[in-house]
N, C-alpha and C. Protein backbone atom coordinates (compact mmCIF):
# COMPACT_ATOMS: atom_id res chain seq x y z
N MET A 1 9.48 8.53 -11.25
CA MET A 1 8.30 8.53 -10.43
C MET A 1 7.59 7.19 -10.54
N ASN A 2 6.88 6.84 -9.49
CA ASN A 2 6.27 5.53 -9.38
C ASN A 2 4.76 5.63 -9.61
N PHE A 3 4.21 4.78 -10.51
CA PHE A 3 2.78 4.73 -10.80
C PHE A 3 2.31 3.27 -10.75
N PRO A 4 2.13 2.72 -9.54
CA PRO A 4 1.73 1.30 -9.46
C PRO A 4 0.45 1.01 -10.25
N GLU A 5 0.50 -0.06 -11.04
CA GLU A 5 -0.62 -0.45 -11.90
C GLU A 5 -1.82 -0.97 -11.10
N ASN A 6 -1.59 -1.46 -9.88
CA ASN A 6 -2.68 -2.05 -9.10
C ASN A 6 -3.53 -1.01 -8.36
N LEU A 7 -3.20 0.27 -8.53
CA LEU A 7 -3.92 1.34 -7.85
C LEU A 7 -4.76 2.13 -8.85
N LEU A 8 -5.72 2.87 -8.32
CA LEU A 8 -6.48 3.83 -9.10
C LEU A 8 -6.13 5.22 -8.57
N TYR A 9 -6.40 6.25 -9.37
CA TYR A 9 -5.92 7.60 -9.06
C TYR A 9 -7.01 8.64 -9.29
N THR A 10 -6.82 9.82 -8.65
CA THR A 10 -7.73 10.94 -8.88
C THR A 10 -6.95 12.10 -9.48
N LYS A 11 -7.68 13.03 -10.07
CA LYS A 11 -7.03 14.23 -10.63
C LYS A 11 -6.45 15.10 -9.52
N ASP A 12 -6.89 14.87 -8.27
CA ASP A 12 -6.39 15.62 -7.12
C ASP A 12 -5.16 14.96 -6.48
N HIS A 13 -4.65 13.90 -7.12
CA HIS A 13 -3.39 13.25 -6.73
C HIS A 13 -3.51 12.34 -5.51
N GLU A 14 -4.70 11.76 -5.31
CA GLU A 14 -4.83 10.69 -4.33
C GLU A 14 -4.77 9.36 -5.07
N TRP A 15 -4.27 8.33 -4.38
CA TRP A 15 -4.33 6.97 -4.91
C TRP A 15 -5.31 6.18 -4.05
N ILE A 16 -5.84 5.11 -4.62
CA ILE A 16 -6.77 4.25 -3.90
C ILE A 16 -6.47 2.80 -4.26
N ARG A 17 -6.39 1.97 -3.23
CA ARG A 17 -6.21 0.52 -3.41
C ARG A 17 -7.46 -0.15 -2.86
N ILE A 18 -8.20 -0.82 -3.73
CA ILE A 18 -9.45 -1.46 -3.34
C ILE A 18 -9.16 -2.91 -2.95
N GLU A 19 -9.65 -3.27 -1.77
CA GLU A 19 -9.53 -4.65 -1.27
C GLU A 19 -10.92 -5.09 -0.81
N GLY A 20 -11.67 -5.68 -1.74
CA GLY A 20 -13.03 -6.12 -1.43
C GLY A 20 -13.94 -4.92 -1.24
N ASP A 21 -14.54 -4.81 -0.05
CA ASP A 21 -15.47 -3.72 0.24
C ASP A 21 -14.81 -2.54 0.94
N VAL A 22 -13.50 -2.59 1.10
CA VAL A 22 -12.79 -1.48 1.73
C VAL A 22 -11.68 -0.99 0.80
N CYS A 23 -11.15 0.17 1.12
CA CYS A 23 -10.07 0.71 0.31
C CYS A 23 -9.08 1.44 1.20
N TYR A 24 -7.86 1.53 0.71
CA TYR A 24 -6.80 2.31 1.35
C TYR A 24 -6.54 3.51 0.46
N ILE A 25 -6.31 4.67 1.08
CA ILE A 25 -6.16 5.91 0.34
C ILE A 25 -4.93 6.66 0.85
N GLY A 26 -4.22 7.27 -0.08
CA GLY A 26 -3.07 8.11 0.27
C GLY A 26 -2.84 9.11 -0.84
N ILE A 27 -1.73 9.83 -0.78
CA ILE A 27 -1.38 10.73 -1.88
C ILE A 27 -0.30 10.09 -2.73
N THR A 28 -0.26 10.48 -3.97
CA THR A 28 0.64 9.85 -4.93
C THR A 28 2.10 10.29 -4.73
N ASP A 29 2.97 9.53 -5.35
CA ASP A 29 4.39 9.84 -5.35
C ASP A 29 4.61 11.24 -5.95
N PHE A 30 3.87 11.55 -7.02
CA PHE A 30 3.95 12.88 -7.63
C PHE A 30 3.57 13.96 -6.62
N ALA A 31 2.47 13.76 -5.90
CA ALA A 31 1.98 14.76 -4.94
C ALA A 31 2.99 15.00 -3.82
N GLN A 32 3.55 13.92 -3.28
CA GLN A 32 4.50 14.11 -2.17
C GLN A 32 5.76 14.82 -2.64
N LYS A 33 6.17 14.57 -3.88
CA LYS A 33 7.34 15.27 -4.43
C LYS A 33 7.04 16.76 -4.61
N GLU A 34 5.84 17.07 -5.08
CA GLU A 34 5.43 18.47 -5.28
C GLU A 34 5.34 19.21 -3.95
N LEU A 35 4.84 18.54 -2.92
CA LEU A 35 4.68 19.17 -1.61
C LEU A 35 6.01 19.37 -0.89
N GLY A 36 6.93 18.45 -1.09
CA GLY A 36 8.20 18.51 -0.36
C GLY A 36 8.09 17.77 0.96
N ASP A 37 8.94 18.11 1.91
CA ASP A 37 9.00 17.37 3.18
C ASP A 37 7.70 17.52 3.97
N ILE A 38 7.03 16.41 4.17
CA ILE A 38 5.77 16.41 4.91
C ILE A 38 6.06 16.34 6.41
N VAL A 39 5.46 17.28 7.15
CA VAL A 39 5.73 17.39 8.58
C VAL A 39 4.54 17.03 9.45
N TYR A 40 3.34 16.98 8.87
CA TYR A 40 2.15 16.69 9.68
C TYR A 40 1.01 16.24 8.78
N VAL A 41 0.28 15.22 9.22
CA VAL A 41 -0.93 14.77 8.53
C VAL A 41 -2.07 14.90 9.53
N ASP A 42 -3.12 15.66 9.16
CA ASP A 42 -4.24 15.93 10.06
C ASP A 42 -5.52 15.35 9.47
N ILE A 43 -5.98 14.25 10.07
CA ILE A 43 -7.21 13.60 9.61
C ILE A 43 -8.10 13.38 10.82
N ALA A 44 -9.23 14.08 10.86
CA ALA A 44 -10.16 13.99 12.00
C ALA A 44 -11.52 13.46 11.55
N THR A 45 -11.53 12.61 10.51
CA THR A 45 -12.80 12.13 9.97
C THR A 45 -13.08 10.66 10.30
N LYS A 46 -12.28 10.05 11.18
CA LYS A 46 -12.51 8.65 11.53
C LYS A 46 -13.92 8.49 12.08
N GLY A 47 -14.62 7.47 11.57
CA GLY A 47 -15.99 7.21 12.00
C GLY A 47 -17.03 8.01 11.25
N LYS A 48 -16.60 8.88 10.36
CA LYS A 48 -17.53 9.72 9.60
C LYS A 48 -17.60 9.25 8.15
N THR A 49 -18.76 9.45 7.55
CA THR A 49 -18.90 9.19 6.12
C THR A 49 -18.54 10.48 5.38
N VAL A 50 -17.66 10.34 4.41
CA VAL A 50 -17.19 11.48 3.63
C VAL A 50 -17.59 11.23 2.18
N ASN A 51 -18.23 12.22 1.57
CA ASN A 51 -18.67 12.09 0.18
C ASN A 51 -17.49 12.21 -0.78
N GLN A 52 -17.64 11.57 -1.93
CA GLN A 52 -16.63 11.66 -2.99
C GLN A 52 -16.32 13.13 -3.27
N HIS A 53 -15.06 13.46 -3.39
CA HIS A 53 -14.52 14.79 -3.70
C HIS A 53 -14.51 15.74 -2.50
N ASP A 54 -15.08 15.34 -1.35
CA ASP A 54 -15.03 16.20 -0.16
C ASP A 54 -13.69 16.02 0.55
N VAL A 55 -13.32 16.98 1.37
CA VAL A 55 -12.05 16.95 2.09
C VAL A 55 -12.15 15.98 3.27
N PHE A 56 -11.18 15.06 3.38
CA PHE A 56 -11.16 14.15 4.53
C PHE A 56 -10.02 14.46 5.50
N GLY A 57 -9.16 15.42 5.15
CA GLY A 57 -8.06 15.80 6.02
C GLY A 57 -7.13 16.76 5.30
N THR A 58 -6.00 17.04 5.94
CA THR A 58 -4.99 17.89 5.32
C THR A 58 -3.61 17.28 5.54
N VAL A 59 -2.70 17.67 4.68
CA VAL A 59 -1.30 17.29 4.82
C VAL A 59 -0.49 18.58 4.82
N GLU A 60 0.42 18.66 5.79
CA GLU A 60 1.21 19.88 5.93
C GLU A 60 2.66 19.58 5.57
N ALA A 61 3.16 20.37 4.65
CA ALA A 61 4.57 20.28 4.28
C ALA A 61 5.26 21.53 4.82
N VAL A 62 6.56 21.60 4.65
CA VAL A 62 7.33 22.73 5.18
C VAL A 62 6.77 24.05 4.67
N LYS A 63 6.37 24.10 3.39
CA LYS A 63 5.98 25.37 2.78
C LYS A 63 4.48 25.56 2.60
N THR A 64 3.67 24.51 2.76
CA THR A 64 2.26 24.63 2.42
C THR A 64 1.40 23.61 3.16
N VAL A 65 0.09 23.85 3.16
CA VAL A 65 -0.89 22.89 3.66
C VAL A 65 -1.81 22.57 2.49
N SER A 66 -2.09 21.29 2.30
CA SER A 66 -2.90 20.87 1.16
C SER A 66 -4.06 19.99 1.65
N ASP A 67 -5.24 20.22 1.08
CA ASP A 67 -6.40 19.39 1.41
C ASP A 67 -6.25 18.01 0.80
N LEU A 68 -6.86 17.03 1.47
CA LEU A 68 -6.93 15.66 0.98
C LEU A 68 -8.37 15.40 0.58
N PHE A 69 -8.58 14.94 -0.66
CA PHE A 69 -9.92 14.74 -1.18
C PHE A 69 -10.28 13.27 -1.27
N MET A 70 -11.49 12.94 -0.85
CA MET A 70 -11.97 11.56 -0.83
C MET A 70 -12.24 11.07 -2.25
N PRO A 71 -11.57 9.99 -2.67
CA PRO A 71 -11.77 9.47 -4.03
C PRO A 71 -13.15 8.83 -4.24
N LEU A 72 -13.68 8.22 -3.18
CA LEU A 72 -14.97 7.52 -3.23
C LEU A 72 -15.74 7.82 -1.96
N THR A 73 -17.05 7.89 -2.04
CA THR A 73 -17.87 8.06 -0.84
C THR A 73 -17.70 6.84 0.06
N GLY A 74 -17.49 7.09 1.34
CA GLY A 74 -17.37 5.98 2.29
C GLY A 74 -17.08 6.45 3.69
N GLU A 75 -17.18 5.51 4.62
CA GLU A 75 -16.89 5.81 6.02
C GLU A 75 -15.41 5.58 6.30
N VAL A 76 -14.78 6.54 6.94
CA VAL A 76 -13.38 6.39 7.32
C VAL A 76 -13.30 5.44 8.51
N LEU A 77 -12.74 4.27 8.29
CA LEU A 77 -12.66 3.23 9.31
C LEU A 77 -11.42 3.36 10.19
N GLU A 78 -10.35 3.80 9.57
CA GLU A 78 -9.06 3.82 10.27
C GLU A 78 -8.19 4.93 9.68
N VAL A 79 -7.41 5.56 10.55
CA VAL A 79 -6.41 6.52 10.14
C VAL A 79 -5.06 5.91 10.46
N ASN A 80 -4.11 6.02 9.58
CA ASN A 80 -2.78 5.46 9.79
C ASN A 80 -2.09 6.16 10.96
N ALA A 81 -2.15 5.52 12.13
CA ALA A 81 -1.58 6.10 13.35
C ALA A 81 -0.07 6.28 13.25
N GLY A 82 0.58 5.50 12.41
CA GLY A 82 2.02 5.61 12.23
C GLY A 82 2.46 6.96 11.70
N LEU A 83 1.55 7.69 11.06
CA LEU A 83 1.92 8.99 10.49
C LEU A 83 2.04 10.07 11.56
N ASP A 84 1.44 9.84 12.74
CA ASP A 84 1.60 10.81 13.84
C ASP A 84 3.07 10.96 14.22
N ALA A 85 3.73 9.83 14.38
CA ALA A 85 5.14 9.84 14.80
C ALA A 85 6.09 9.98 13.61
N ALA A 86 5.64 9.56 12.43
CA ALA A 86 6.54 9.55 11.27
C ALA A 86 5.82 10.02 10.00
N PRO A 87 5.44 11.32 9.94
CA PRO A 87 4.76 11.81 8.73
C PRO A 87 5.63 11.70 7.48
N GLU A 88 6.94 11.60 7.68
CA GLU A 88 7.86 11.47 6.55
C GLU A 88 7.65 10.16 5.79
N ASN A 89 6.90 9.20 6.38
CA ASN A 89 6.58 7.96 5.65
C ASN A 89 5.84 8.26 4.35
N VAL A 90 5.09 9.35 4.32
CA VAL A 90 4.40 9.73 3.09
C VAL A 90 5.43 10.04 2.00
N ASN A 91 6.53 10.70 2.35
CA ASN A 91 7.59 10.98 1.39
C ASN A 91 8.37 9.73 1.04
N ASN A 92 8.67 8.91 2.04
CA ASN A 92 9.54 7.76 1.85
C ASN A 92 8.86 6.56 1.21
N ASP A 93 7.55 6.39 1.44
CA ASP A 93 6.84 5.20 0.98
C ASP A 93 5.36 5.55 0.76
N ALA A 94 5.10 6.41 -0.22
CA ALA A 94 3.75 6.95 -0.45
C ALA A 94 2.70 5.86 -0.63
N TYR A 95 3.08 4.75 -1.25
CA TYR A 95 2.11 3.70 -1.56
C TYR A 95 2.11 2.56 -0.55
N GLY A 96 2.96 2.64 0.46
CA GLY A 96 3.05 1.59 1.47
C GLY A 96 2.78 2.15 2.85
N GLU A 97 3.85 2.36 3.62
CA GLU A 97 3.72 2.88 4.99
C GLU A 97 3.11 4.27 5.05
N GLY A 98 3.06 4.97 3.92
CA GLY A 98 2.52 6.32 3.87
C GLY A 98 1.03 6.40 3.59
N TRP A 99 0.33 5.23 3.60
CA TRP A 99 -1.13 5.28 3.39
C TRP A 99 -1.76 6.14 4.48
N MET A 100 -2.89 6.76 4.19
CA MET A 100 -3.49 7.70 5.13
C MET A 100 -4.75 7.19 5.81
N ILE A 101 -5.70 6.66 5.02
CA ILE A 101 -6.92 6.15 5.63
C ILE A 101 -7.35 4.83 5.00
N LYS A 102 -8.14 4.09 5.79
CA LYS A 102 -8.84 2.91 5.31
C LYS A 102 -10.32 3.28 5.40
N ALA A 103 -11.09 3.00 4.34
CA ALA A 103 -12.49 3.41 4.31
C ALA A 103 -13.36 2.35 3.64
N THR A 104 -14.66 2.44 3.91
CA THR A 104 -15.62 1.60 3.20
C THR A 104 -15.85 2.20 1.82
N ILE A 105 -16.50 1.43 0.96
CA ILE A 105 -16.89 1.92 -0.36
C ILE A 105 -18.42 1.92 -0.38
N ALA A 106 -19.02 3.09 -0.31
CA ALA A 106 -20.48 3.20 -0.23
C ALA A 106 -21.15 3.03 -1.59
N ASN A 107 -20.47 3.44 -2.65
CA ASN A 107 -21.07 3.42 -3.98
C ASN A 107 -20.04 2.92 -4.99
N LYS A 108 -20.12 1.64 -5.33
CA LYS A 108 -19.13 1.05 -6.25
C LYS A 108 -19.17 1.69 -7.64
N ASN A 109 -20.28 2.34 -7.99
CA ASN A 109 -20.37 3.00 -9.30
C ASN A 109 -19.37 4.14 -9.42
N GLU A 110 -18.96 4.72 -8.29
CA GLU A 110 -18.00 5.82 -8.32
C GLU A 110 -16.61 5.38 -8.78
N VAL A 111 -16.32 4.09 -8.68
CA VAL A 111 -15.01 3.57 -9.08
C VAL A 111 -14.73 3.91 -10.55
N ALA A 112 -15.77 3.94 -11.37
CA ALA A 112 -15.60 4.23 -12.80
C ALA A 112 -15.05 5.63 -13.05
N SER A 113 -15.18 6.53 -12.07
CA SER A 113 -14.69 7.90 -12.26
C SER A 113 -13.19 8.05 -11.95
N LEU A 114 -12.56 7.00 -11.46
CA LEU A 114 -11.14 7.04 -11.11
C LEU A 114 -10.28 6.75 -12.34
N MET A 115 -9.01 7.13 -12.25
CA MET A 115 -8.09 6.96 -13.37
C MET A 115 -7.19 5.74 -13.18
N SER A 116 -6.82 5.14 -14.29
CA SER A 116 -5.82 4.07 -14.27
C SER A 116 -4.44 4.71 -14.09
N ALA A 117 -3.45 3.86 -13.85
CA ALA A 117 -2.08 4.36 -13.71
C ALA A 117 -1.64 5.07 -14.99
N ALA A 118 -1.98 4.52 -16.15
CA ALA A 118 -1.58 5.14 -17.43
C ALA A 118 -2.25 6.51 -17.60
N ASP A 119 -3.52 6.60 -17.24
CA ASP A 119 -4.23 7.89 -17.35
C ASP A 119 -3.63 8.92 -16.41
N TYR A 120 -3.34 8.50 -15.19
CA TYR A 120 -2.78 9.44 -14.21
C TYR A 120 -1.38 9.90 -14.64
N LYS A 121 -0.59 8.97 -15.14
CA LYS A 121 0.75 9.32 -15.61
C LYS A 121 0.65 10.36 -16.73
N GLY A 122 -0.34 10.20 -17.60
CA GLY A 122 -0.56 11.18 -18.67
C GLY A 122 -0.96 12.54 -18.12
N LEU A 123 -1.68 12.57 -17.02
CA LEU A 123 -2.11 13.82 -16.41
C LEU A 123 -0.93 14.61 -15.85
N VAL A 124 0.02 13.93 -15.24
CA VAL A 124 1.11 14.62 -14.55
C VAL A 124 2.37 14.80 -15.42
N HIS A 125 2.39 14.24 -16.60
CA HIS A 125 3.56 14.43 -17.48
C HIS A 125 3.27 15.37 -18.60
């Protein structure tokens, strides 16, 4: 399993990549393996501010639907349109083409509540 060191993680299995005042968010390699084949990603929060730990969308796999939780409070600026045609990108490239949203960071203090790659790896092993 892959745990990139340049990312931060949540106990709910989302990853976050911070780039200045914005961040990219997706689900971890562990989460996509647990879910199985992803067939649909439903995110209708573009343009909305979503509080930390609130649901920003859902991901549907063959056997289940799972909520997606916001790692940090912020406005959803962009949804990865590529996932409409190819939701399997989440399975194939969870940390690259499988990213789900780009968002602002409303409260930088919340970053301290996220886990490092080593902490997240300890959680799932």
